[in-house]
């Protein structure tokens, strides 16, 4: 479960959200599909 200030991945497309939920008639247009545990940034 995501908490306040967590970084999350969001699917902001209705059809994609419905596919994630497995319900072709769900009245949604966005879903949280992941919670980011760590971000690694490489300097170039």
PDB file of N, CA and C in Angstrom:
ATOM      1  N   UNK A   1       0.845  -1.176   0.000  1.00  0.00           N
ATOM      2  CA  UNK A   1       0.000   0.000   0.000  1.00  0.00           C
ATOM      3  C   UNK A   1       0.892   1.241   0.000  1.00  0.00           C
ATOM      4  N   UNK A   2       0.548   2.186  -0.836  1.00  0.00           N
ATOM      5  CA  UNK A   2       1.305   3.428  -0.905  1.00  0.00           C
ATOM      6  C   UNK A   2       0.941   4.335   0.271  1.00  0.00           C
ATOM      7  N   UNK A   3       1.937   5.040   0.743  1.00  0.00           N
ATOM      8  CA  UNK A   3       1.756   5.969   1.857  1.00  0.00           C
ATOM      9  C   UNK A   3       1.974   7.394   1.340  1.00  0.00           C
ATOM     10  N   UNK A   4       1.569   8.389   2.119  1.00  0.00           N
ATOM     11  CA  UNK A   4       1.843   9.770   1.720  1.00  0.00           C
ATOM     12  C   UNK A   4       3.338   9.966   1.458  1.00  0.00           C
ATOM     13  N   UNK A   5       3.685  10.704   0.421  1.00  0.00           N
ATOM     14  CA  UNK A   5       5.058  11.000  -0.004  1.00  0.00           C
ATOM     15  C   UNK A   5       5.751   9.851  -0.713  1.00  0.00           C
ATOM     16  N   UNK A   6       5.088   8.686  -0.917  1.00  0.00           N
ATOM     17  CA  UNK A   6       5.671   7.612  -1.722  1.00  0.00           C
ATOM     18  C   UNK A   6       5.636   8.020  -3.185  1.00  0.00           C
ATOM     19  N   UNK A   7       6.609   7.550  -3.938  1.00  0.00           N
ATOM     20  CA  UNK A   7       6.623   7.748  -5.385  1.00  0.00           C
ATOM     21  C   UNK A   7       5.935   6.540  -6.001  1.00  0.00           C
ATOM     22  N   UNK A   8       4.967   6.792  -6.868  1.00  0.00           N
ATOM     23  CA  UNK A   8       4.197   5.710  -7.473  1.00  0.00           C
ATOM     24  C   UNK A   8       4.219   5.816  -8.990  1.00  0.00           C
ATOM     25  N   UNK A   9       3.961   4.695  -9.659  1.00  0.00           N
ATOM     26  CA  UNK A   9       3.783   4.667 -11.109  1.00  0.00           C
ATOM     27  C   UNK A   9       2.290   4.651 -11.385  1.00  0.00           C
ATOM     28  N   UNK A  10       1.849   5.540 -12.256  1.00  0.00           N
ATOM     29  CA  UNK A  10       0.423   5.681 -12.522  1.00  0.00           C
ATOM     30  C   UNK A  10       0.142   5.404 -13.998  1.00  0.00           C
ATOM     31  N   UNK A  11      -0.855   4.589 -14.254  1.00  0.00           N
ATOM     32  CA  UNK A  11      -1.379   4.388 -15.597  1.00  0.00           C
ATOM     33  C   UNK A  11      -2.531   5.375 -15.749  1.00  0.00           C
ATOM     34  N   UNK A  12      -2.372   6.368 -16.634  1.00  0.00           N
ATOM     35  CA  UNK A  12      -3.389   7.418 -16.787  1.00  0.00           C
ATOM     36  C   UNK A  12      -4.136   7.273 -18.105  1.00  0.00           C
ATOM     37  N   UNK A  13      -4.532   6.079 -18.418  1.00  0.00           N
ATOM     38  CA  UNK A  13      -5.267   5.817 -19.651  1.00  0.00           C
ATOM     39  C   UNK A  13      -6.351   4.815 -19.315  1.00  0.00           C
ATOM     40  N   UNK A  14      -7.577   5.147 -19.597  1.00  0.00           N
ATOM     41  CA  UNK A  14      -8.718   4.342 -19.176  1.00  0.00           C
ATOM     42  C   UNK A  14      -8.650   2.888 -19.583  1.00  0.00           C
ATOM     43  N   UNK A  15      -8.351   2.611 -20.869  1.00  0.00           N
ATOM     44  CA  UNK A  15      -8.321   1.225 -21.323  1.00  0.00           C
ATOM     45  C   UNK A  15      -7.216   0.445 -20.623  1.00  0.00           C
ATOM     46  N   UNK A  16      -6.035   1.040 -20.468  1.00  0.00           N
ATOM     47  CA  UNK A  16      -4.945   0.372 -19.763  1.00  0.00           C
ATOM     48  C   UNK A  16      -5.297   0.098 -18.309  1.00  0.00           C
ATOM     49  N   UNK A  17      -5.955   1.046 -17.664  1.00  0.00           N
ATOM     50  CA  UNK A  17      -6.380   0.864 -16.278  1.00  0.00           C
ATOM     51  C   UNK A  17      -7.378  -0.281 -16.157  1.00  0.00           C
ATOM     52  N   UNK A  18      -8.311  -0.345 -17.095  1.00  0.00           N
ATOM     53  CA  UNK A  18      -9.293  -1.435 -17.064  1.00  0.00           C
ATOM     54  C   UNK A  18      -8.625  -2.788 -17.295  1.00  0.00           C
ATOM     55  N   UNK A  19      -7.605  -2.830 -18.146  1.00  0.00           N
ATOM     56  CA  UNK A  19      -6.881  -4.079 -18.378  1.00  0.00           C
ATOM     57  C   UNK A  19      -6.149  -4.519 -17.118  1.00  0.00           C
ATOM     58  N   UNK A  20      -5.533  -3.580 -16.407  1.00  0.00           N
ATOM     59  CA  UNK A  20      -4.851  -3.903 -15.155  1.00  0.00           C
ATOM     60  C   UNK A  20      -5.841  -4.490 -14.148  1.00  0.00           C
ATOM     61  N   UNK A  21      -7.029  -3.918 -14.093  1.00  0.00           N
ATOM     62  CA  UNK A  21      -8.055  -4.382 -13.156  1.00  0.00           C
ATOM     63  C   UNK A  21      -8.755  -5.652 -13.631  1.00  0.00           C
ATOM     64  N   UNK A  22      -8.635  -5.967 -14.920  1.00  0.00           N
ATOM     65  CA  UNK A  22      -9.306  -7.135 -15.464  1.00  0.00           C
ATOM     66  C   UNK A  22     -10.809  -6.970 -15.585  1.00  0.00           C
ATOM     67  N   UNK A  23     -11.267  -5.720 -15.733  1.00  0.00           N
ATOM     68  CA  UNK A  23     -12.700  -5.430 -15.822  1.00  0.00           C
ATOM     69  C   UNK A  23     -12.912  -4.444 -16.970  1.00  0.00           C
ATOM     70  N   UNK A  24     -13.412  -4.936 -18.094  1.00  0.00           N
ATOM     71  CA  UNK A  24     -13.551  -4.092 -19.279  1.00  0.00           C
ATOM     72  C   UNK A  24     -14.613  -3.011 -19.136  1.00  0.00           C
ATOM     73  N   UNK A  25     -15.412  -3.050 -18.075  1.00  0.00           N
ATOM     74  CA  UNK A  25     -16.461  -2.036 -17.891  1.00  0.00           C
ATOM     75  C   UNK A  25     -16.242  -1.170 -16.650  1.00  0.00           C
ATOM     76  N   UNK A  26     -15.078  -1.281 -16.018  1.00  0.00           N
ATOM     77  CA  UNK A  26     -14.798  -0.495 -14.814  1.00  0.00           C
ATOM     78  C   UNK A  26     -14.768   1.002 -15.150  1.00  0.00           C
ATOM     79  N   UNK A  27     -15.422   1.834 -14.344  1.00  0.00           N
ATOM     80  CA  UNK A  27     -15.457   3.277 -14.613  1.00  0.00           C
ATOM     81  C   UNK A  27     -14.216   3.985 -14.049  1.00  0.00           C
ATOM     82  N   UNK A  28     -13.046   3.683 -14.612  1.00  0.00           N
ATOM     83  CA  UNK A  28     -11.792   4.277 -14.128  1.00  0.00           C
ATOM     84  C   UNK A  28     -11.056   4.943 -15.280  1.00  0.00           C
ATOM     85  N   UNK A  29     -10.217   5.909 -14.949  1.00  0.00           N
ATOM     86  CA  UNK A  29      -9.351   6.496 -15.968  1.00  0.00           C
ATOM     87  C   UNK A  29      -7.894   6.527 -15.519  1.00  0.00           C
ATOM     88  N   UNK A  30      -7.603   6.090 -14.286  1.00  0.00           N
ATOM     89  CA  UNK A  30      -6.222   6.017 -13.811  1.00  0.00           C
ATOM     90  C   UNK A  30      -6.111   5.001 -12.681  1.00  0.00           C
ATOM     91  N   UNK A  31      -4.963   4.314 -12.627  1.00  0.00           N
ATOM     92  CA  UNK A  31      -4.693   3.376 -11.536  1.00  0.00           C
ATOM     93  C   UNK A  31      -3.226   3.479 -11.136  1.00  0.00           C
ATOM     94  N   UNK A  32      -2.955   3.244  -9.872  1.00  0.00           N
ATOM     95  CA  UNK A  32      -1.571   3.120  -9.414  1.00  0.00           C
ATOM     96  C   UNK A  32      -1.150   1.693  -9.720  1.00  0.00           C
ATOM     97  N   UNK A  33      -0.089   1.540 -10.513  1.00  0.00           N
ATOM     98  CA  UNK A  33       0.343   0.205 -10.932  1.00  0.00           C
ATOM     99  C   UNK A  33       1.662  -0.217 -10.292  1.00  0.00           C
ATOM    100  N   UNK A  34       2.281   0.661  -9.520  1.00  0.00           N
ATOM    101  CA  UNK A  34       3.523   0.289  -8.852  1.00  0.00           C
ATOM    102  C   UNK A  34       3.952   1.332  -7.843  1.00  0.00           C
ATOM    103  N   UNK A  35       4.720   0.883  -6.858  1.00  0.00           N
ATOM    104  CA  UNK A  35       5.311   1.767  -5.852  1.00  0.00           C
ATOM    105  C   UNK A  35       6.821   1.690  -6.021  1.00  0.00           C
ATOM    106  N   UNK A  36       7.475   2.834  -6.143  1.00  0.00           N
ATOM    107  CA  UNK A  36       8.921   2.885  -6.375  1.00  0.00           C
ATOM    108  C   UNK A  36       9.657   2.690  -5.054  1.00  0.00           C
ATOM    109  N   UNK A  37      10.511   1.663  -5.024  1.00  0.00           N
ATOM    110  CA  UNK A  37      11.310   1.387  -3.826  1.00  0.00           C
ATOM    111  C   UNK A  37      12.610   2.168  -3.820  1.00  0.00           C
ATOM    112  N   UNK A  38      13.208   2.320  -5.007  1.00  0.00           N
ATOM    113  CA  UNK A  38      14.537   2.930  -5.073  1.00  0.00           C
ATOM    114  C   UNK A  38      14.731   3.557  -6.442  1.00  0.00           C
ATOM    115  N   UNK A  39      15.464   4.674  -6.484  1.00  0.00           N
ATOM    116  CA  UNK A  39      15.827   5.319  -7.743  1.00  0.00           C
ATOM    117  C   UNK A  39      17.344   5.444  -7.775  1.00  0.00           C
ATOM    118  N   UNK A  40      17.946   4.914  -8.831  1.00  0.00           N
ATOM    119  CA  UNK A  40      19.384   5.029  -9.020  1.00  0.00           C
ATOM    120  C   UNK A  40      19.642   5.973 -10.190  1.00  0.00           C
ATOM    121  N   UNK A  41      20.491   6.973  -9.970  1.00  0.00           N
ATOM    122  CA  UNK A  41      20.814   7.938 -11.009  1.00  0.00           C
ATOM    123  C   UNK A  41      22.313   7.868 -11.265  1.00  0.00           C
ATOM    124  N   UNK A  42      22.679   7.644 -12.528  1.00  0.00           N
ATOM    125  CA  UNK A  42      24.094   7.595 -12.901  1.00  0.00           C
ATOM    126  C   UNK A  42      24.502   8.932 -13.496  1.00  0.00           C
ATOM    127  N   UNK A  43      25.629   9.458 -13.044  1.00  0.00           N
ATOM    128  CA  UNK A  43      26.157  10.697 -13.629  1.00  0.00           C
ATOM    129  C   UNK A  43      26.976  10.329 -14.845  1.00  0.00           C
ATOM    130  N   UNK A  44      26.821  11.138 -15.903  1.00  0.00           N
ATOM    131  CA  UNK A  44      27.589  10.876 -17.127  1.00  0.00           C
ATOM    132  C   UNK A  44      28.518  12.012 -17.409  1.00  0.00           C
TER     133      UNK A  44
END
